[in-house]
Amino acid sequence: MRRLIATLTAASLGLAATPALAQVQQNNPNAANRSMETSGQMRALRQEQTTQGNTLRMDIQRNQAATPAPNTGPNAIGPTGGTGVIGR
């Protein structure tokens, strides 16, 4: 009885030490390759989305920085042509 318990314990410890066995289908040798391929594709898509988002953010910041501030100082030129009264 002790041998059986020791054997079962050793077997369960051996399986717990190899988590890759639980993640890859043993009857399909290409499963690991497909899994890695899918992970690589997902990583590439995330990287592309991040790059596009950063580029868009940079363009927005550049456009905001290039927009001149309104001139409100003492030399500001007011609106021209008109009396300011509507209908005359």
PDB file of N, CA and C in Angstrom:
ATOM      1  N   MET A   1       0.819  -1.190   0.000  1.00  0.00           N
ATOM      2  CA  MET A   1       0.000   0.000   0.000  1.00  0.00           C
ATOM      3  C   MET A   1       0.869   1.262   0.000  1.00  0.00           C
ATOM      4  N   ARG A   2       1.937   1.251   0.797  1.00  0.00           N
ATOM      5  CA  ARG A   2       2.835   2.404   0.831  1.00  0.00           C
ATOM      6  C   ARG A   2       3.511   2.609  -0.512  1.00  0.00           C
ATOM      7  N   ARG A   3       3.863   1.512  -1.180  1.00  0.00           N
ATOM      8  CA  ARG A   3       4.493   1.631  -2.496  1.00  0.00           C
ATOM      9  C   ARG A   3       3.535   2.278  -3.492  1.00  0.00           C
ATOM     10  N   LEU A   4       2.291   1.894  -3.445  1.00  0.00           N
ATOM     11  CA  LEU A   4       1.298   2.460  -4.353  1.00  0.00           C
ATOM     12  C   LEU A   4       1.147   3.962  -4.123  1.00  0.00           C
ATOM     13  N   ILE A   5       1.083   4.368  -2.874  1.00  0.00           N
ATOM     14  CA  ILE A   5       0.968   5.800  -2.546  1.00  0.00           C
ATOM     15  C   ILE A   5       2.218   6.536  -2.996  1.00  0.00           C
ATOM     16  N   ALA A   6       3.395   5.956  -2.741  1.00  0.00           N
ATOM     17  CA  ALA A   6       4.642   6.587  -3.151  1.00  0.00           C
ATOM     18  C   ALA A   6       4.722   6.694  -4.669  1.00  0.00           C
ATOM     19  N   THR A   7       4.286   5.672  -5.375  1.00  0.00           N
ATOM     20  CA  THR A   7       4.309   5.683  -6.840  1.00  0.00           C
ATOM     21  C   THR A   7       3.350   6.736  -7.389  1.00  0.00           C
ATOM     22  N   LEU A   8       2.159   6.788  -6.824  1.00  0.00           N
ATOM     23  CA  LEU A   8       1.185   7.780  -7.282  1.00  0.00           C
ATOM     24  C   LEU A   8       1.645   9.201  -6.977  1.00  0.00           C
ATOM     25  N   THR A   9       2.251   9.411  -5.824  1.00  0.00           N
ATOM     26  CA  THR A   9       2.760  10.732  -5.464  1.00  0.00           C
ATOM     27  C   THR A   9       3.873  11.140  -6.409  1.00  0.00           C
ATOM     28  N   ALA A  10       4.800  10.226  -6.681  1.00  0.00           N
ATOM     29  CA  ALA A  10       5.906  10.528  -7.585  1.00  0.00           C
ATOM     30  C   ALA A  10       5.384  10.817  -8.989  1.00  0.00           C
ATOM     31  N   ALA A  11       4.406  10.071  -9.412  1.00  0.00           N
ATOM     32  CA  ALA A  11       3.836  10.291 -10.741  1.00  0.00           C
ATOM     33  C   ALA A  11       3.139  11.649 -10.823  1.00  0.00           C
ATOM     34  N   SER A  12       2.405  12.022  -9.774  1.00  0.00           N
ATOM     35  CA  SER A  12       1.712  13.307  -9.802  1.00  0.00           C
ATOM     36  C   SER A  12       2.703  14.465  -9.729  1.00  0.00           C
ATOM     37  N   LEU A  13       3.796  14.298  -8.993  1.00  0.00           N
ATOM     38  CA  LEU A  13       4.818  15.338  -8.945  1.00  0.00           C
ATOM     39  C   LEU A  13       5.517  15.465 -10.289  1.00  0.00           C
ATOM     40  N   GLY A  14       5.730  14.359 -10.950  1.00  0.00           N
ATOM     41  CA  GLY A  14       6.364  14.394 -12.266  1.00  0.00           C
ATOM     42  C   GLY A  14       5.506  15.103 -13.296  1.00  0.00           C
ATOM     43  N   LEU A  15       4.202  14.904 -13.246  1.00  0.00           N
ATOM     44  CA  LEU A  15       3.308  15.575 -14.182  1.00  0.00           C
ATOM     45  C   LEU A  15       3.183  17.055 -13.853  1.00  0.00           C
ATOM     46  N   ALA A  16       3.207  17.393 -12.591  1.00  0.00           N
ATOM     47  CA  ALA A  16       3.096  18.792 -12.198  1.00  0.00           C
ATOM     48  C   ALA A  16       4.342  19.571 -12.589  1.00  0.00           C
ATOM     49  N   ALA A  17       5.471  18.894 -12.702  1.00  0.00           N
ATOM     50  CA  ALA A  17       6.713  19.587 -13.029  1.00  0.00           C
ATOM     51  C   ALA A  17       6.802  19.924 -14.513  1.00  0.00           C
ATOM     52  N   THR A  18       5.925  19.382 -15.343  1.00  0.00           N
ATOM     53  CA  THR A  18       5.971  19.649 -16.777  1.00  0.00           C
ATOM     54  C   THR A  18       4.645  20.252 -17.224  1.00  0.00           C
ATOM     55  N   PRO A  19       4.439  21.557 -17.018  1.00  0.00           N
ATOM     56  CA  PRO A  19       3.169  22.176 -17.404  1.00  0.00           C
ATOM     57  C   PRO A  19       2.970  22.227 -18.914  1.00  0.00           C
ATOM     58  N   ALA A  20       4.039  22.081 -19.689  1.00  0.00           N
ATOM     59  CA  ALA A  20       3.879  22.111 -21.145  1.00  0.00           C
ATOM     60  C   ALA A  20       3.041  20.942 -21.639  1.00  0.00           C
ATOM     61  N   LEU A  21       3.065  19.844 -20.931  1.00  0.00           N
ATOM     62  CA  LEU A  21       2.268  18.693 -21.340  1.00  0.00           C
ATOM     63  C   LEU A  21       0.782  19.021 -21.310  1.00  0.00           C
ATOM     64  N   ALA A  22       0.377  19.852 -20.375  1.00  0.00           N
ATOM     65  CA  ALA A  22      -1.036  20.193 -20.264  1.00  0.00           C
ATOM     66  C   ALA A  22      -1.447  21.222 -21.310  1.00  0.00           C
ATOM     67  N   GLN A  23      -0.495  21.962 -21.871  1.00  0.00           N
ATOM     68  CA  GLN A  23      -0.817  23.036 -22.790  1.00  0.00           C
ATOM     69  C   GLN A  23      -0.782  22.611 -24.253  1.00  0.00           C
ATOM     70  N   VAL A  24      -0.048  21.570 -24.592  1.00  0.00           N
ATOM     71  CA  VAL A  24       0.102  21.144 -25.973  1.00  0.00           C
ATOM     72  C   VAL A  24      -0.597  19.806 -26.148  1.00  0.00           C
ATOM     73  N   GLN A  25      -1.337  19.677 -27.209  1.00  0.00           N
ATOM     74  CA  GLN A  25      -2.020  18.418 -27.483  1.00  0.00           C
ATOM     75  C   GLN A  25      -0.978  17.376 -27.888  1.00  0.00           C
ATOM     76  N   GLN A  26      -0.948  16.297 -27.164  1.00  0.00           N
ATOM     77  CA  GLN A  26       0.057  15.272 -27.418  1.00  0.00           C
ATOM     78  C   GLN A  26      -0.198  14.498 -28.704  1.00  0.00           C
ATOM     79  N   ASN A  27      -1.438  14.394 -29.128  1.00  0.00           N
ATOM     80  CA  ASN A  27      -1.741  13.619 -30.325  1.00  0.00           C
ATOM     81  C   ASN A  27      -1.597  14.439 -31.603  1.00  0.00           C
ATOM     82  N   ASN A  28      -1.316  15.722 -31.494  1.00  0.00           N
ATOM     83  CA  ASN A  28      -1.164  16.580 -32.663  1.00  0.00           C
ATOM     84  C   ASN A  28       0.197  17.271 -32.591  1.00  0.00           C
ATOM     85  N   PRO A  29       1.177  16.809 -33.349  1.00  0.00           N
ATOM     86  CA  PRO A  29       2.517  17.384 -33.246  1.00  0.00           C
ATOM     87  C   PRO A  29       2.608  18.824 -33.740  1.00  0.00           C
ATOM     88  N   ASN A  30       1.651  19.277 -34.523  1.00  0.00           N
ATOM     89  CA  ASN A  30       1.693  20.649 -35.032  1.00  0.00           C
ATOM     90  C   ASN A  30       0.978  21.646 -34.129  1.00  0.00           C
ATOM     91  N   ALA A  31       0.395  21.166 -33.032  1.00  0.00           N
ATOM     92  CA  ALA A  31      -0.367  22.054 -32.149  1.00  0.00           C
ATOM     93  C   ALA A  31       0.524  23.128 -31.538  1.00  0.00           C
ATOM     94  N   ALA A  32       1.723  22.761 -31.139  1.00  0.00           N
ATOM     95  CA  ALA A  32       2.630  23.749 -30.540  1.00  0.00           C
ATOM     96  C   ALA A  32       3.015  24.797 -31.573  1.00  0.00           C
ATOM     97  N   ASN A  33       3.273  24.365 -32.800  1.00  0.00           N
ATOM     98  CA  ASN A  33       3.628  25.325 -33.850  1.00  0.00           C
ATOM     99  C   ASN A  33       2.488  26.286 -34.132  1.00  0.00           C
ATOM    100  N   ARG A  34       1.270  25.757 -34.191  1.00  0.00           N
ATOM    101  CA  ARG A  34       0.105  26.625 -34.430  1.00  0.00           C
ATOM    102  C   ARG A  34      -0.099  27.596 -33.282  1.00  0.00           C
ATOM    103  N   SER A  35       0.100  27.108 -32.070  1.00  0.00           N
ATOM    104  CA  SER A  35      -0.066  27.972 -30.900  1.00  0.00           C
ATOM    105  C   SER A  35       0.945  29.115 -30.920  1.00  0.00           C
ATOM    106  N   MET A  36       2.181  28.791 -31.229  1.00  0.00           N
ATOM    107  CA  MET A  36       3.209  29.841 -31.285  1.00  0.00           C
ATOM    108  C   MET A  36       2.949  30.794 -32.446  1.00  0.00           C
ATOM    109  N   GLU A  37       2.458  30.278 -33.553  1.00  0.00           N
ATOM    110  CA  GLU A  37       2.153  31.129 -34.700  1.00  0.00           C
ATOM    111  C   GLU A  37       1.035  32.106 -34.352  1.00  0.00           C
ATOM    112  N   THR A  38      -0.011  31.593 -33.707  1.00  0.00           N
ATOM    113  CA  THR A  38      -1.128  32.445 -33.317  1.00  0.00           C
ATOM    114  C   THR A  38      -0.679  33.509 -32.317  1.00  0.00           C
ATOM    115  N   SER A  39       0.149  33.111 -31.362  1.00  0.00           N
ATOM    116  CA  SER A  39       0.655  34.077 -30.383  1.00  0.00           C
ATOM    117  C   SER A  39       1.475  35.158 -31.074  1.00  0.00           C
ATOM    118  N   GLY A  40       2.291  34.763 -32.036  1.00  0.00           N
ATOM    119  CA  GLY A  40       3.100  35.732 -32.769  1.00  0.00           C
ATOM    120  C   GLY A  40       2.244  36.692 -33.576  1.00  0.00           C
ATOM    121  N   GLN A  41       1.187  36.184 -34.185  1.00  0.00           N
ATOM    122  CA  GLN A  41       0.293  37.044 -34.951  1.00  0.00           C
ATOM    123  C   GLN A  41      -0.432  38.037 -34.055  1.00  0.00           C
ATOM    124  N   MET A  42      -0.879  37.564 -32.898  1.00  0.00           N
ATOM    125  CA  MET A  42      -1.557  38.464 -31.958  1.00  0.00           C
ATOM    126  C   MET A  42      -0.611  39.544 -31.452  1.00  0.00           C
ATOM    127  N   ARG A  43       0.619  39.160 -31.161  1.00  0.00           N
ATOM    128  CA  ARG A  43       1.617  40.127 -30.702  1.00  0.00           C
ATOM    129  C   ARG A  43       1.897  41.163 -31.788  1.00  0.00           C
ATOM    130  N   ALA A  44       1.979  40.731 -33.048  1.00  0.00           N
ATOM    131  CA  ALA A  44       2.223  41.655 -34.156  1.00  0.00           C
ATOM    132  C   ALA A  44       1.056  42.620 -34.332  1.00  0.00           C
ATOM    133  N   LEU A  45      -0.175  42.111 -34.190  1.00  0.00           N
ATOM    134  CA  LEU A  45      -1.337  42.994 -34.306  1.00  0.00           C
ATOM    135  C   LEU A  45      -1.375  44.031 -33.192  1.00  0.00           C
ATOM    136  N   ARG A  46      -1.070  43.599 -31.967  1.00  0.00           N
ATOM    137  CA  ARG A  46      -1.033  44.557 -30.849  1.00  0.00           C
ATOM    138  C   ARG A  46       0.028  45.618 -31.084  1.00  0.00           C
ATOM    139  N   GLN A  47       1.180  45.194 -31.578  1.00  0.00           N
ATOM    140  CA  GLN A  47       2.257  46.151 -31.834  1.00  0.00           C
ATOM    141  C   GLN A  47       1.853  47.137 -32.928  1.00  0.00           C
ATOM    142  N   GLU A  48       1.184  46.647 -33.973  1.00  0.00           N
ATOM    143  CA  GLU A  48       0.738  47.522 -35.055  1.00  0.00           C
ATOM    144  C   GLU A  48      -0.287  48.531 -34.554  1.00  0.00           C
ATOM    145  N   GLN A  49      -1.232  48.073 -33.721  1.00  0.00           N
ATOM    146  CA  GLN A  49      -2.235  48.983 -33.176  1.00  0.00           C
ATOM    147  C   GLN A  49      -1.590  50.040 -32.285  1.00  0.00           C
ATOM    148  N   THR A  50      -0.622  49.622 -31.490  1.00  0.00           N
ATOM    149  CA  THR A  50       0.077  50.573 -30.624  1.00  0.00           C
ATOM    150  C   THR A  50       0.821  51.604 -31.460  1.00  0.00           C
ATOM    151  N   THR A  51       1.481  51.151 -32.521  1.00  0.00           N
ATOM    152  CA  THR A  51       2.226  52.064 -33.385  1.00  0.00           C
ATOM    153  C   THR A  51       1.290  53.061 -34.053  1.00  0.00           C
ATOM    154  N   GLN A  52       0.149  52.580 -34.559  1.00  0.00           N
ATOM    155  CA  GLN A  52      -0.805  53.478 -35.204  1.00  0.00           C
ATOM    156  C   GLN A  52      -1.371  54.496 -34.208  1.00  0.00           C
ATOM    157  N   GLY A  53      -1.664  54.041 -32.994  1.00  0.00           N
ATOM    158  CA  GLY A  53      -2.173  54.950 -31.972  1.00  0.00           C
ATOM    159  C   GLY A  53      -1.151  56.006 -31.599  1.00  0.00           C
ATOM    160  N   ASN A  54       0.105  55.597 -31.467  1.00  0.00           N
ATOM    161  CA  ASN A  54       1.162  56.560 -31.136  1.00  0.00           C
ATOM    162  C   ASN A  54       1.372  57.562 -32.263  1.00  0.00           C
ATOM    163  N   THR A  55       1.303  57.090 -33.506  1.00  0.00           N
ATOM    164  CA  THR A  55       1.465  57.983 -34.653  1.00  0.00           C
ATOM    165  C   THR A  55       0.322  58.998 -34.694  1.00  0.00           C
ATOM    166  N   LEU A  56      -0.890  58.542 -34.479  1.00  0.00           N
ATOM    167  CA  LEU A  56      -2.039  59.445 -34.473  1.00  0.00           C
ATOM    168  C   LEU A  56      -1.910  60.478 -33.353  1.00  0.00           C
ATOM    169  N   ARG A  57      -1.515  60.033 -32.167  1.00  0.00           N
ATOM    170  CA  ARG A  57      -1.337  60.953 -31.044  1.00  0.00           C
ATOM    171  C   ARG A  57      -0.264  61.998 -31.358  1.00  0.00           C
ATOM    172  N   MET A  58       0.829  61.556 -31.993  1.00  0.00           N
ATOM    173  CA  MET A  58       1.904  62.476 -32.335  1.00  0.00           C
ATOM    174  C   MET A  58       1.430  63.497 -33.368  1.00  0.00           C
ATOM    175  N   ASP A  59       0.643  63.056 -34.363  1.00  0.00           N
ATOM    176  CA  ASP A  59       0.112  63.979 -35.364  1.00  0.00           C
ATOM    177  C   ASP A  59      -0.803  65.017 -34.726  1.00  0.00           C
ATOM    178  N   ILE A  60      -1.634  64.576 -33.804  1.00  0.00           N
ATOM    179  CA  ILE A  60      -2.540  65.506 -33.115  1.00  0.00           C
ATOM    180  C   ILE A  60      -1.737  66.531 -32.325  1.00  0.00           C
ATOM    181  N   GLN A  61      -0.723  66.079 -31.600  1.00  0.00           N
ATOM    182  CA  GLN A  61       0.098  67.006 -30.818  1.00  0.00           C
ATOM    183  C   GLN A  61       0.837  67.981 -31.720  1.00  0.00           C
ATOM    184  N   ARG A  62       1.318  67.487 -32.873  1.00  0.00           N
ATOM    185  CA  ARG A  62       2.036  68.357 -33.800  1.00  0.00           C
ATOM    186  C   ARG A  62       1.097  69.415 -34.362  1.00  0.00           C
ATOM    187  N   ASN A  63      -0.135  69.023 -34.703  1.00  0.00           N
ATOM    188  CA  ASN A  63      -1.092  69.986 -35.241  1.00  0.00           C
ATOM    189  C   ASN A  63      -1.491  71.019 -34.188  1.00  0.00           C
ATOM    190  N   GLN A  64      -1.632  70.583 -32.953  1.00  0.00           N
ATOM    191  CA  GLN A  64      -1.975  71.536 -31.894  1.00  0.00           C
ATOM    192  C   GLN A  64      -0.832  72.509 -31.650  1.00  0.00           C
ATOM    193  N   ALA A  65       0.402  72.019 -31.731  1.00  0.00           N
ATOM    194  CA  ALA A  65       1.555  72.891 -31.505  1.00  0.00           C
ATOM    195  C   ALA A  65       1.738  73.867 -32.657  1.00  0.00           C
ATOM    196  N   ALA A  66       1.328  73.489 -33.872  1.00  0.00           N
ATOM    197  CA  ALA A  66       1.507  74.344 -35.041  1.00  0.00           C
ATOM    198  C   ALA A  66       0.401  75.381 -35.178  1.00  0.00           C
ATOM    199  N   THR A  67      -0.681  75.254 -34.449  1.00  0.00           N
ATOM    200  CA  THR A  67      -1.780  76.217 -34.523  1.00  0.00           C
ATOM    201  C   THR A  67      -1.376  77.474 -33.762  1.00  0.00           C
ATOM    202  N   PRO A  68      -1.349  78.619 -34.445  1.00  0.00           N
ATOM    203  CA  PRO A  68      -0.927  79.841 -33.754  1.00  0.00           C
ATOM    204  C   PRO A  68      -1.971  80.298 -32.737  1.00  0.00           C
ATOM    205  N   ALA A  69      -1.488  80.871 -31.681  1.00  0.00           N
ATOM    206  CA  ALA A  69      -2.378  81.412 -30.652  1.00  0.00           C
ATOM    207  C   ALA A  69      -2.982  82.716 -31.173  1.00  0.00           C
ATOM    208  N   PRO A  70      -4.198  83.030 -30.754  1.00  0.00           N
ATOM    209  CA  PRO A  70      -4.797  84.297 -31.210  1.00  0.00           C
ATOM    210  C   PRO A  70      -4.028  85.489 -30.649  1.00  0.00           C
ATOM    211  N   ASN A  71      -3.924  86.535 -31.469  1.00  0.00           N
ATOM    212  CA  ASN A  71      -3.199  87.736 -31.063  1.00  0.00           C
ATOM    213  C   ASN A  71      -4.154  88.636 -30.288  1.00  0.00           C
ATOM    214  N   THR A  72      -3.932  88.714 -28.996  1.00  0.00           N
ATOM    215  CA  THR A  72      -4.819  89.535 -28.166  1.00  0.00           C
ATOM    216  C   THR A  72      -4.070  90.675 -27.499  1.00  0.00           C
ATOM    217  N   GLY A  73      -2.849  90.915 -27.952  1.00  0.00           N
ATOM    218  CA  GLY A  73      -2.032  91.959 -27.340  1.00  0.00           C
ATOM    219  C   GLY A  73      -2.456  93.353 -27.771  1.00  0.00           C
ATOM    220  N   PRO A  74      -1.681  94.369 -27.373  1.00  0.00           N
ATOM    221  CA  PRO A  74      -2.044  95.763 -27.693  1.00  0.00           C
ATOM    222  C   PRO A  74      -1.951  96.071 -29.186  1.00  0.00           C
ATOM    223  N   ASN A  75      -1.227  95.278 -29.958  1.00  0.00           N
ATOM    224  CA  ASN A  75      -1.102  95.531 -31.391  1.00  0.00           C
ATOM    225  C   ASN A  75      -2.052  94.672 -32.219  1.00  0.00           C
ATOM    226  N   ALA A  76      -3.031  94.100 -31.587  1.00  0.00           N
ATOM    227  CA  ALA A  76      -3.972  93.227 -32.297  1.00  0.00           C
ATOM    228  C   ALA A  76      -4.789  94.036 -33.280  1.00  0.00           C
ATOM    229  N   ILE A  77      -5.013  93.462 -34.451  1.00  0.00           N
ATOM    230  CA  ILE A  77      -5.801  94.120 -35.488  1.00  0.00           C
ATOM    231  C   ILE A  77      -7.224  93.602 -35.364  1.00  0.00           C
ATOM    232  N   GLY A  78      -8.145  94.498 -35.228  1.00  0.00           N
ATOM    233  CA  GLY A  78      -9.536  94.124 -35.058  1.00  0.00           C
ATOM    234  C   GLY A  78     -10.185  93.756 -36.377  1.00  0.00           C
ATOM    235  N   PRO A  79     -11.463  93.396 -36.353  1.00  0.00           N
ATOM    236  CA  PRO A  79     -12.175  93.064 -37.583  1.00  0.00           C
ATOM    237  C   PRO A  79     -12.244  94.270 -38.503  1.00  0.00           C
ATOM    238  N   THR A  80     -12.170  94.000 -39.801  1.00  0.00           N
ATOM    239  CA  THR A  80     -12.172  95.112 -40.763  1.00  0.00           C
ATOM    240  C   THR A  80     -13.435  95.072 -41.600  1.00  0.00           C
ATOM    241  N   GLY A  81     -13.764  96.247 -42.178  1.00  0.00           N
ATOM    242  CA  GLY A  81     -14.870  96.358 -43.118  1.00  0.00           C
ATOM    243  C   GLY A  81     -16.207  96.210 -42.464  1.00  0.00           C
ATOM    244  N   GLY A  82     -16.782  97.218 -42.034  1.00  0.00           N
ATOM    245  CA  GLY A  82     -18.108  97.156 -41.458  1.00  0.00           C
ATOM    246  C   GLY A  82     -18.202  98.086 -40.274  1.00  0.00           C
ATOM    247  N   THR A  83     -19.418  98.420 -39.979  1.00  0.00           N
ATOM    248  CA  THR A  83     -19.648  99.361 -38.894  1.00  0.00           C
ATOM    249  C   THR A  83     -19.928  98.658 -37.584  1.00  0.00           C
ATOM    250  N   GLY A  84     -20.154  97.364 -37.652  1.00  0.00           N
ATOM    251  CA  GLY A  84     -20.483  96.634 -36.433  1.00  0.00           C
ATOM    252  C   GLY A  84     -21.967  96.617 -36.177  1.00  0.00           C
ATOM    253  N   VAL A  85     -22.728  97.315 -37.013  1.00  0.00           N
ATOM    254  CA  VAL A  85     -24.159  97.351 -36.842  1.00  0.00           C
ATOM    255  C   VAL A  85     -24.781  96.555 -37.991  1.00  0.00           C
ATOM    256  N   ILE A  86     -25.639  95.638 -37.654  1.00  0.00           N
ATOM    257  CA  ILE A  86     -26.243  94.788 -38.667  1.00  0.00           C
ATOM    258  C   ILE A  86     -27.380  95.541 -39.342  1.00  0.00           C
ATOM    259  N   GLY A  87     -27.433  95.478 -40.677  1.00  0.00           N
ATOM    260  CA  GLY A  87     -28.531  96.097 -41.416  1.00  0.00           C
ATOM    261  C   GLY A  87     -28.228  97.483 -41.926  1.00  0.00           C
ATOM    262  N   ARG A  88     -27.082  98.026 -41.754  1.00  0.00           N
ATOM    263  CA  ARG A  88     -26.784  99.369 -42.235  1.00  0.00           C
ATOM    264  C   ARG A  88     -25.671  99.338 -43.209  1.00  0.00           C
TER     265      ARG A  88
END
